[in-house]
Amino acid sequence: GAAFFLWDKALKLGDARQIGILSYLTPLCSTAL
């Protein structure tokens, strides 16, 4: 839910290349949790 809204806002404001690289934190955080 909220993640999709935040993601859309990020893509509208930022550089898709940089945001894509930040996304690598997802599997790390998910696995750690």
ModelCIF file with pLDDT and N, C-alpha, C, O atoms, coordinates in Angstrom:
data_MODEL
#
_entry.id   MODEL 
#
_entity.id                         1 
_entity.type                       polymer 
_entity.pdbx_number_of_molecules   1 
#
_entity_poly.entity_id                      1 
_entity_poly.type                           'polypeptide(L)' 
_entity_poly.nstd_linkage                   no 
_entity_poly.nstd_monomer                   no 
_entity_poly.pdbx_seq_one_letter_code       GAAFFLWDKALKLGDARQIGILSYLTPLCSTAL 
_entity_poly.pdbx_seq_one_letter_code_can   GAAFFLWDKALKLGDARQIGILSYLTPLCSTAL 
_entity_poly.pdbx_strand_id                 A 
#
loop_
_entity_poly_seq.entity_id 
_entity_poly_seq.num 
_entity_poly_seq.mon_id 
_entity_poly_seq.hetero 
1 1  GLY n 
1 2  ALA n 
1 3  ALA n 
1 4  PHE n 
1 5  PHE n 
1 6  LEU n 
1 7  TRP n 
1 8  ASP n 
1 9  LYS n 
1 10 ALA n 
1 11 LEU n 
1 12 LYS n 
1 13 LEU n 
1 14 GLY n 
1 15 ASP n 
1 16 ALA n 
1 17 ARG n 
1 18 GLN n 
1 19 ILE n 
1 20 GLY n 
1 21 ILE n 
1 22 LEU n 
1 23 SER n 
1 24 TYR n 
1 25 LEU n 
1 26 THR n 
1 27 PRO n 
1 28 LEU n 
1 29 CYS n 
1 30 SER n 
1 31 THR n 
1 32 ALA n 
1 33 LEU n 
#
_struct_asym.id          A 
_struct_asym.entity_id   1 
#
loop_
_ma_qa_metric.id 
_ma_qa_metric.mode 
_ma_qa_metric.name 
_ma_qa_metric.software_group_id 
_ma_qa_metric.type 
1 global pLDDT . pLDDT 
2 local  pLDDT . pLDDT 
#
_ma_qa_metric_global.metric_id      1 
_ma_qa_metric_global.metric_value   84.06 
_ma_qa_metric_global.model_id       1 
_ma_qa_metric_global.ordinal_id     1 
#
loop_
_ma_qa_metric_local.label_asym_id 
_ma_qa_metric_local.label_comp_id 
_ma_qa_metric_local.label_seq_id 
_ma_qa_metric_local.metric_id 
_ma_qa_metric_local.metric_value 
_ma_qa_metric_local.model_id 
_ma_qa_metric_local.ordinal_id 
A GLY 1  2 92.00 1 1  
A ALA 2  2 95.00 1 2  
A ALA 3  2 93.00 1 3  
A PHE 4  2 90.00 1 4  
A PHE 5  2 92.00 1 5  
A LEU 6  2 94.00 1 6  
A TRP 7  2 91.00 1 7  
A ASP 8  2 89.00 1 8  
A LYS 9  2 90.00 1 9  
A ALA 10 2 91.00 1 10 
A LEU 11 2 87.00 1 11 
A LYS 12 2 87.00 1 12 
A LEU 13 2 88.00 1 13 
A GLY 14 2 85.00 1 14 
A ASP 15 2 81.00 1 15 
A ALA 16 2 77.00 1 16 
A ARG 17 2 73.00 1 17 
A GLN 18 2 79.00 1 18 
A ILE 19 2 84.00 1 19 
A GLY 20 2 77.00 1 20 
A ILE 21 2 78.00 1 21 
A LEU 22 2 83.00 1 22 
A SER 23 2 82.00 1 23 
A TYR 24 2 78.00 1 24 
A LEU 25 2 83.00 1 25 
A THR 26 2 82.00 1 26 
A PRO 27 2 77.00 1 27 
A LEU 28 2 78.00 1 28 
A CYS 29 2 83.00 1 29 
A SER 30 2 79.00 1 30 
A THR 31 2 76.00 1 31 
A ALA 32 2 78.00 1 32 
A LEU 33 2 82.00 1 33 
#
loop_
_atom_site.group_PDB 
_atom_site.id 
_atom_site.type_symbol 
_atom_site.label_atom_id 
_atom_site.label_alt_id 
_atom_site.label_comp_id 
_atom_site.label_asym_id 
_atom_site.label_entity_id 
_atom_site.label_seq_id 
_atom_site.pdbx_PDB_ins_code 
_atom_site.Cartn_x 
_atom_site.Cartn_y 
_atom_site.Cartn_z 
_atom_site.occupancy 
_atom_site.B_iso_or_equiv 
_atom_site.pdbx_formal_charge 
_atom_site.auth_seq_id 
_atom_site.auth_comp_id 
_atom_site.auth_asym_id 
_atom_site.auth_atom_id 
_atom_site.pdbx_PDB_model_num 
ATOM 1   N N  . GLY A 1 1  ? 0.817  -1.205  0.000   1.00 92.00 ? 1  GLY A N  1 
ATOM 2   C CA . GLY A 1 1  ? 0.000  0.000   0.000   1.00 92.00 ? 1  GLY A CA 1 
ATOM 3   C C  . GLY A 1 1  ? 0.852  1.257   0.000   1.00 92.00 ? 1  GLY A C  1 
ATOM 4   O O  . GLY A 1 1  ? 1.186  1.792   -1.057  1.00 92.00 ? 1  GLY A O  1 
ATOM 5   N N  . ALA A 1 2  ? 1.201  1.725   1.187   1.00 95.00 ? 2  ALA A N  1 
ATOM 6   C CA . ALA A 1 2  ? 1.963  2.968   1.312   1.00 95.00 ? 2  ALA A CA 1 
ATOM 7   C C  . ALA A 1 2  ? 3.285  2.909   0.564   1.00 95.00 ? 2  ALA A C  1 
ATOM 8   O O  . ALA A 1 2  ? 3.755  3.925   0.052   1.00 95.00 ? 2  ALA A O  1 
ATOM 9   N N  . ALA A 1 3  ? 3.893  1.719   0.496   1.00 93.00 ? 3  ALA A N  1 
ATOM 10  C CA . ALA A 1 3  ? 5.183  1.595   -0.196  1.00 93.00 ? 3  ALA A CA 1 
ATOM 11  C C  . ALA A 1 3  ? 5.070  2.017   -1.655  1.00 93.00 ? 3  ALA A C  1 
ATOM 12  O O  . ALA A 1 3  ? 5.983  2.651   -2.184  1.00 93.00 ? 3  ALA A O  1 
ATOM 13  N N  . PHE A 1 4  ? 3.954  1.673   -2.318  1.00 90.00 ? 4  PHE A N  1 
ATOM 14  C CA . PHE A 1 4  ? 3.786  2.029   -3.722  1.00 90.00 ? 4  PHE A CA 1 
ATOM 15  C C  . PHE A 1 4  ? 3.667  3.547   -3.896  1.00 90.00 ? 4  PHE A C  1 
ATOM 16  O O  . PHE A 1 4  ? 4.187  4.109   -4.860  1.00 90.00 ? 4  PHE A O  1 
ATOM 17  N N  . PHE A 1 5  ? 2.977  4.208   -2.956  1.00 92.00 ? 5  PHE A N  1 
ATOM 18  C CA . PHE A 1 5  ? 2.836  5.661   -3.029  1.00 92.00 ? 5  PHE A CA 1 
ATOM 19  C C  . PHE A 1 5  ? 4.194  6.336   -2.822  1.00 92.00 ? 5  PHE A C  1 
ATOM 20  O O  . PHE A 1 5  ? 4.542  7.274   -3.539  1.00 92.00 ? 5  PHE A O  1 
ATOM 21  N N  . LEU A 1 6  ? 4.954  5.855   -1.841  1.00 94.00 ? 6  LEU A N  1 
ATOM 22  C CA . LEU A 1 6  ? 6.282  6.422   -1.590  1.00 94.00 ? 6  LEU A CA 1 
ATOM 23  C C  . LEU A 1 6  ? 7.209  6.183   -2.776  1.00 94.00 ? 6  LEU A C  1 
ATOM 24  O O  . LEU A 1 6  ? 7.987  7.061   -3.148  1.00 94.00 ? 6  LEU A O  1 
ATOM 25  N N  . TRP A 1 7  ? 7.123  4.991   -3.369  1.00 91.00 ? 7  TRP A N  1 
ATOM 26  C CA . TRP A 1 7  ? 7.967  4.645   -4.508  1.00 91.00 ? 7  TRP A CA 1 
ATOM 27  C C  . TRP A 1 7  ? 7.668  5.559   -5.696  1.00 91.00 ? 7  TRP A C  1 
ATOM 28  O O  . TRP A 1 7  ? 8.585  6.042   -6.359  1.00 91.00 ? 7  TRP A O  1 
ATOM 29  N N  . ASP A 1 8  ? 6.395  5.792   -5.958  1.00 89.00 ? 8  ASP A N  1 
ATOM 30  C CA . ASP A 1 8  ? 6.007  6.666   -7.063  1.00 89.00 ? 8  ASP A CA 1 
ATOM 31  C C  . ASP A 1 8  ? 6.513  8.091   -6.822  1.00 89.00 ? 8  ASP A C  1 
ATOM 32  O O  . ASP A 1 8  ? 6.999  8.748   -7.743  1.00 89.00 ? 8  ASP A O  1 
ATOM 33  N N  . LYS A 1 9  ? 6.394  8.558   -5.584  1.00 90.00 ? 9  LYS A N  1 
ATOM 34  C CA . LYS A 1 9  ? 6.865  9.901   -5.260  1.00 90.00 ? 9  LYS A CA 1 
ATOM 35  C C  . LYS A 1 9  ? 8.376  10.002  -5.458  1.00 90.00 ? 9  LYS A C  1 
ATOM 36  O O  . LYS A 1 9  ? 8.875  11.005  -5.968  1.00 90.00 ? 9  LYS A O  1 
ATOM 37  N N  . ALA A 1 10 ? 9.102  8.959   -5.050  1.00 91.00 ? 10 ALA A N  1 
ATOM 38  C CA . ALA A 1 10 ? 10.556 8.956   -5.208  1.00 91.00 ? 10 ALA A CA 1 
ATOM 39  C C  . ALA A 1 10 ? 10.940 9.025   -6.681  1.00 91.00 ? 10 ALA A C  1 
ATOM 40  O O  . ALA A 1 10 ? 11.845 9.772   -7.056  1.00 91.00 ? 10 ALA A O  1 
ATOM 41  N N  . LEU A 1 11 ? 10.251 8.245   -7.520  1.00 87.00 ? 11 LEU A N  1 
ATOM 42  C CA . LEU A 1 11 ? 10.581 8.222   -8.949  1.00 87.00 ? 11 LEU A CA 1 
ATOM 43  C C  . LEU A 1 11 ? 10.254 9.545   -9.617  1.00 87.00 ? 11 LEU A C  1 
ATOM 44  O O  . LEU A 1 11 ? 10.919 9.938   -10.575 1.00 87.00 ? 11 LEU A O  1 
ATOM 45  N N  . LYS A 1 12 ? 9.242  10.233  -9.123  1.00 87.00 ? 12 LYS A N  1 
ATOM 46  C CA . LYS A 1 12 ? 8.885  11.534  -9.702  1.00 87.00 ? 12 LYS A CA 1 
ATOM 47  C C  . LYS A 1 12 ? 9.911  12.616  -9.358  1.00 87.00 ? 12 LYS A C  1 
ATOM 48  O O  . LYS A 1 12 ? 10.068 13.588  -10.097 1.00 87.00 ? 12 LYS A O  1 
ATOM 49  N N  . LEU A 1 13 ? 10.602 12.439  -8.241  1.00 88.00 ? 13 LEU A N  1 
ATOM 50  C CA . LEU A 1 13 ? 11.514 13.484  -7.769  1.00 88.00 ? 13 LEU A CA 1 
ATOM 51  C C  . LEU A 1 13 ? 12.988 13.183  -8.014  1.00 88.00 ? 13 LEU A C  1 
ATOM 52  O O  . LEU A 1 13 ? 13.813 14.095  -8.055  1.00 88.00 ? 13 LEU A O  1 
ATOM 53  N N  . GLY A 1 14 ? 13.323 11.888  -8.178  1.00 85.00 ? 14 GLY A N  1 
ATOM 54  C CA . GLY A 1 14 ? 14.735 11.527  -8.179  1.00 85.00 ? 14 GLY A CA 1 
ATOM 55  C C  . GLY A 1 14 ? 15.240 10.901  -9.454  1.00 85.00 ? 14 GLY A C  1 
ATOM 56  O O  . GLY A 1 14 ? 14.540 10.842  -10.465 1.00 85.00 ? 14 GLY A O  1 
ATOM 57  N N  . ASP A 1 15 ? 16.474 10.433  -9.385  1.00 81.00 ? 15 ASP A N  1 
ATOM 58  C CA . ASP A 1 15 ? 17.174 9.774   -10.483 1.00 81.00 ? 15 ASP A CA 1 
ATOM 59  C C  . ASP A 1 15 ? 16.913 8.278   -10.399 1.00 81.00 ? 15 ASP A C  1 
ATOM 60  O O  . ASP A 1 15 ? 17.266 7.647   -9.402  1.00 81.00 ? 15 ASP A O  1 
ATOM 61  N N  . ALA A 1 16 ? 16.297 7.696   -11.431 1.00 77.00 ? 16 ALA A N  1 
ATOM 62  C CA . ALA A 1 16 ? 15.921 6.284   -11.411 1.00 77.00 ? 16 ALA A CA 1 
ATOM 63  C C  . ALA A 1 16 ? 17.127 5.379   -11.217 1.00 77.00 ? 16 ALA A C  1 
ATOM 64  O O  . ALA A 1 16 ? 17.009 4.317   -10.605 1.00 77.00 ? 16 ALA A O  1 
ATOM 65  N N  . ARG A 1 17 ? 18.303 5.787   -11.736 1.00 73.00 ? 17 ARG A N  1 
ATOM 66  C CA . ARG A 1 17 ? 19.496 4.961   -11.582 1.00 73.00 ? 17 ARG A CA 1 
ATOM 67  C C  . ARG A 1 17 ? 19.916 4.871   -10.121 1.00 73.00 ? 17 ARG A C  1 
ATOM 68  O O  . ARG A 1 17 ? 20.232 3.790   -9.622  1.00 73.00 ? 17 ARG A O  1 
ATOM 69  N N  . GLN A 1 18 ? 19.916 6.006   -9.444  1.00 79.00 ? 18 GLN A N  1 
ATOM 70  C CA . GLN A 1 18 ? 20.313 6.022   -8.045  1.00 79.00 ? 18 GLN A CA 1 
ATOM 71  C C  . GLN A 1 18 ? 19.291 5.293   -7.174  1.00 79.00 ? 18 GLN A C  1 
ATOM 72  O O  . GLN A 1 18 ? 19.661 4.559   -6.258  1.00 79.00 ? 18 GLN A O  1 
ATOM 73  N N  . ILE A 1 19 ? 18.008 5.498   -7.463  1.00 84.00 ? 19 ILE A N  1 
ATOM 74  C CA . ILE A 1 19 ? 16.951 4.840   -6.692  1.00 84.00 ? 19 ILE A CA 1 
ATOM 75  C C  . ILE A 1 19 ? 17.019 3.332   -6.890  1.00 84.00 ? 19 ILE A C  1 
ATOM 76  O O  . ILE A 1 19 ? 16.810 2.568   -5.947  1.00 84.00 ? 19 ILE A O  1 
ATOM 77  N N  . GLY A 1 20 ? 17.311 2.903   -8.118  1.00 77.00 ? 20 GLY A N  1 
ATOM 78  C CA . GLY A 1 20 ? 17.447 1.477   -8.387  1.00 77.00 ? 20 GLY A CA 1 
ATOM 79  C C  . GLY A 1 20 ? 18.553 0.845   -7.568  1.00 77.00 ? 20 GLY A C  1 
ATOM 80  O O  . GLY A 1 20 ? 18.409 -0.280  -7.089  1.00 77.00 ? 20 GLY A O  1 
ATOM 81  N N  . ILE A 1 21 ? 19.655 1.558   -7.403  1.00 78.00 ? 21 ILE A N  1 
ATOM 82  C CA . ILE A 1 21 ? 20.772 1.027   -6.628  1.00 78.00 ? 21 ILE A CA 1 
ATOM 83  C C  . ILE A 1 21 ? 20.430 1.000   -5.136  1.00 78.00 ? 21 ILE A C  1 
ATOM 84  O O  . ILE A 1 21 ? 20.791 0.054   -4.435  1.00 78.00 ? 21 ILE A O  1 
ATOM 85  N N  . LEU A 1 22 ? 19.739 2.029   -4.650  1.00 83.00 ? 22 LEU A N  1 
ATOM 86  C CA . LEU A 1 22 ? 19.304 2.021   -3.256  1.00 83.00 ? 22 LEU A CA 1 
ATOM 87  C C  . LEU A 1 22 ? 18.392 0.831   -2.965  1.00 83.00 ? 22 LEU A C  1 
ATOM 88  O O  . LEU A 1 22 ? 18.327 0.352   -1.833  1.00 83.00 ? 22 LEU A O  1 
ATOM 89  N N  . SER A 1 23 ? 17.694 0.360   -3.990  1.00 82.00 ? 23 SER A N  1 
ATOM 90  C CA . SER A 1 23 ? 16.746 -0.741  -3.811  1.00 82.00 ? 23 SER A CA 1 
ATOM 91  C C  . SER A 1 23 ? 17.431 -2.032  -3.400  1.00 82.00 ? 23 SER A C  1 
ATOM 92  O O  . SER A 1 23 ? 16.766 -2.955  -2.930  1.00 82.00 ? 23 SER A O  1 
ATOM 93  N N  . TYR A 1 24 ? 18.739 -2.117  -3.564  1.00 78.00 ? 24 TYR A N  1 
ATOM 94  C CA . TYR A 1 24 ? 19.437 -3.318  -3.135  1.00 78.00 ? 24 TYR A CA 1 
ATOM 95  C C  . TYR A 1 24 ? 19.411 -3.479  -1.623  1.00 78.00 ? 24 TYR A C  1 
ATOM 96  O O  . TYR A 1 24 ? 19.751 -4.546  -1.111  1.00 78.00 ? 24 TYR A O  1 
ATOM 97  N N  . LEU A 1 25 ? 19.015 -2.440  -0.903  1.00 83.00 ? 25 LEU A N  1 
ATOM 98  C CA . LEU A 1 25 ? 18.848 -2.568  0.534   1.00 83.00 ? 25 LEU A CA 1 
ATOM 99  C C  . LEU A 1 25 ? 17.651 -3.460  0.871   1.00 83.00 ? 25 LEU A C  1 
ATOM 100 O O  . LEU A 1 25 ? 17.580 -3.998  1.976   1.00 83.00 ? 25 LEU A O  1 
ATOM 101 N N  . THR A 1 26 ? 16.712 -3.623  -0.065  1.00 82.00 ? 26 THR A N  1 
ATOM 102 C CA . THR A 1 26 ? 15.496 -4.389  0.209   1.00 82.00 ? 26 THR A CA 1 
ATOM 103 C C  . THR A 1 26 ? 15.784 -5.835  0.588   1.00 82.00 ? 26 THR A C  1 
ATOM 104 O O  . THR A 1 26 ? 15.332 -6.273  1.646   1.00 82.00 ? 26 THR A O  1 
ATOM 105 N N  . PRO A 1 27 ? 16.520 -6.607  -0.230  1.00 77.00 ? 27 PRO A N  1 
ATOM 106 C CA . PRO A 1 27 ? 16.770 -7.994  0.173   1.00 77.00 ? 27 PRO A CA 1 
ATOM 107 C C  . PRO A 1 27 ? 17.603 -8.111  1.438   1.00 77.00 ? 27 PRO A C  1 
ATOM 108 O O  . PRO A 1 27 ? 17.430 -9.058  2.205   1.00 77.00 ? 27 PRO A O  1 
ATOM 109 N N  . LEU A 1 28 ? 18.506 -7.161  1.668   1.00 78.00 ? 28 LEU A N  1 
ATOM 110 C CA . LEU A 1 28 ? 19.303 -7.194  2.886   1.00 78.00 ? 28 LEU A CA 1 
ATOM 111 C C  . LEU A 1 28 ? 18.418 -7.002  4.110   1.00 78.00 ? 28 LEU A C  1 
ATOM 112 O O  . LEU A 1 28 ? 18.474 -7.788  5.055   1.00 78.00 ? 28 LEU A O  1 
ATOM 113 N N  . CYS A 1 29 ? 17.588 -5.939  4.087   1.00 83.00 ? 29 CYS A N  1 
ATOM 114 C CA . CYS A 1 29 ? 16.718 -5.636  5.229   1.00 83.00 ? 29 CYS A CA 1 
ATOM 115 C C  . CYS A 1 29 ? 15.688 -6.740  5.432   1.00 83.00 ? 29 CYS A C  1 
ATOM 116 O O  . CYS A 1 29 ? 15.387 -7.120  6.564   1.00 83.00 ? 29 CYS A O  1 
ATOM 117 N N  . SER A 1 30 ? 15.152 -7.250  4.329   1.00 79.00 ? 30 SER A N  1 
ATOM 118 C CA . SER A 1 30 ? 14.160 -8.311  4.418   1.00 79.00 ? 30 SER A CA 1 
ATOM 119 C C  . SER A 1 30 ? 14.747 -9.563  5.056   1.00 79.00 ? 30 SER A C  1 
ATOM 120 O O  . SER A 1 30 ? 14.125 -10.171 5.927   1.00 79.00 ? 30 SER A O  1 
ATOM 121 N N  . THR A 1 31 ? 15.947 -9.946  4.621   1.00 76.00 ? 31 THR A N  1 
ATOM 122 C CA . THR A 1 31 ? 16.604 -11.128 5.171   1.00 76.00 ? 31 THR A CA 1 
ATOM 123 C C  . THR A 1 31 ? 16.966 -10.928 6.637   1.00 76.00 ? 31 THR A C  1 
ATOM 124 O O  . THR A 1 31 ? 16.800 -11.838 7.450   1.00 76.00 ? 31 THR A O  1 
ATOM 125 N N  . ALA A 1 32 ? 17.465 -9.732  6.980   1.00 78.00 ? 32 ALA A N  1 
ATOM 126 C CA . ALA A 1 32 ? 17.831 -9.452  8.364   1.00 78.00 ? 32 ALA A CA 1 
ATOM 127 C C  . ALA A 1 32 ? 16.614 -9.518  9.282   1.00 78.00 ? 32 ALA A C  1 
ATOM 128 O O  . ALA A 1 32 ? 16.702 -10.041 10.392  1.00 78.00 ? 32 ALA A O  1 
ATOM 129 N N  . LEU A 1 33 ? 15.478 -8.990  8.823   1.00 82.00 ? 33 LEU A N  1 
ATOM 130 C CA . LEU A 1 33 ? 14.264 -9.028  9.629   1.00 82.00 ? 33 LEU A CA 1 
ATOM 131 C C  . LEU A 1 33 ? 13.771 -10.453 9.808   1.00 82.00 ? 33 LEU A C  1 
ATOM 132 O O  . LEU A 1 33 ? 12.753 -10.676 10.463  1.00 82.00 ? 33 LEU A O  1 
#
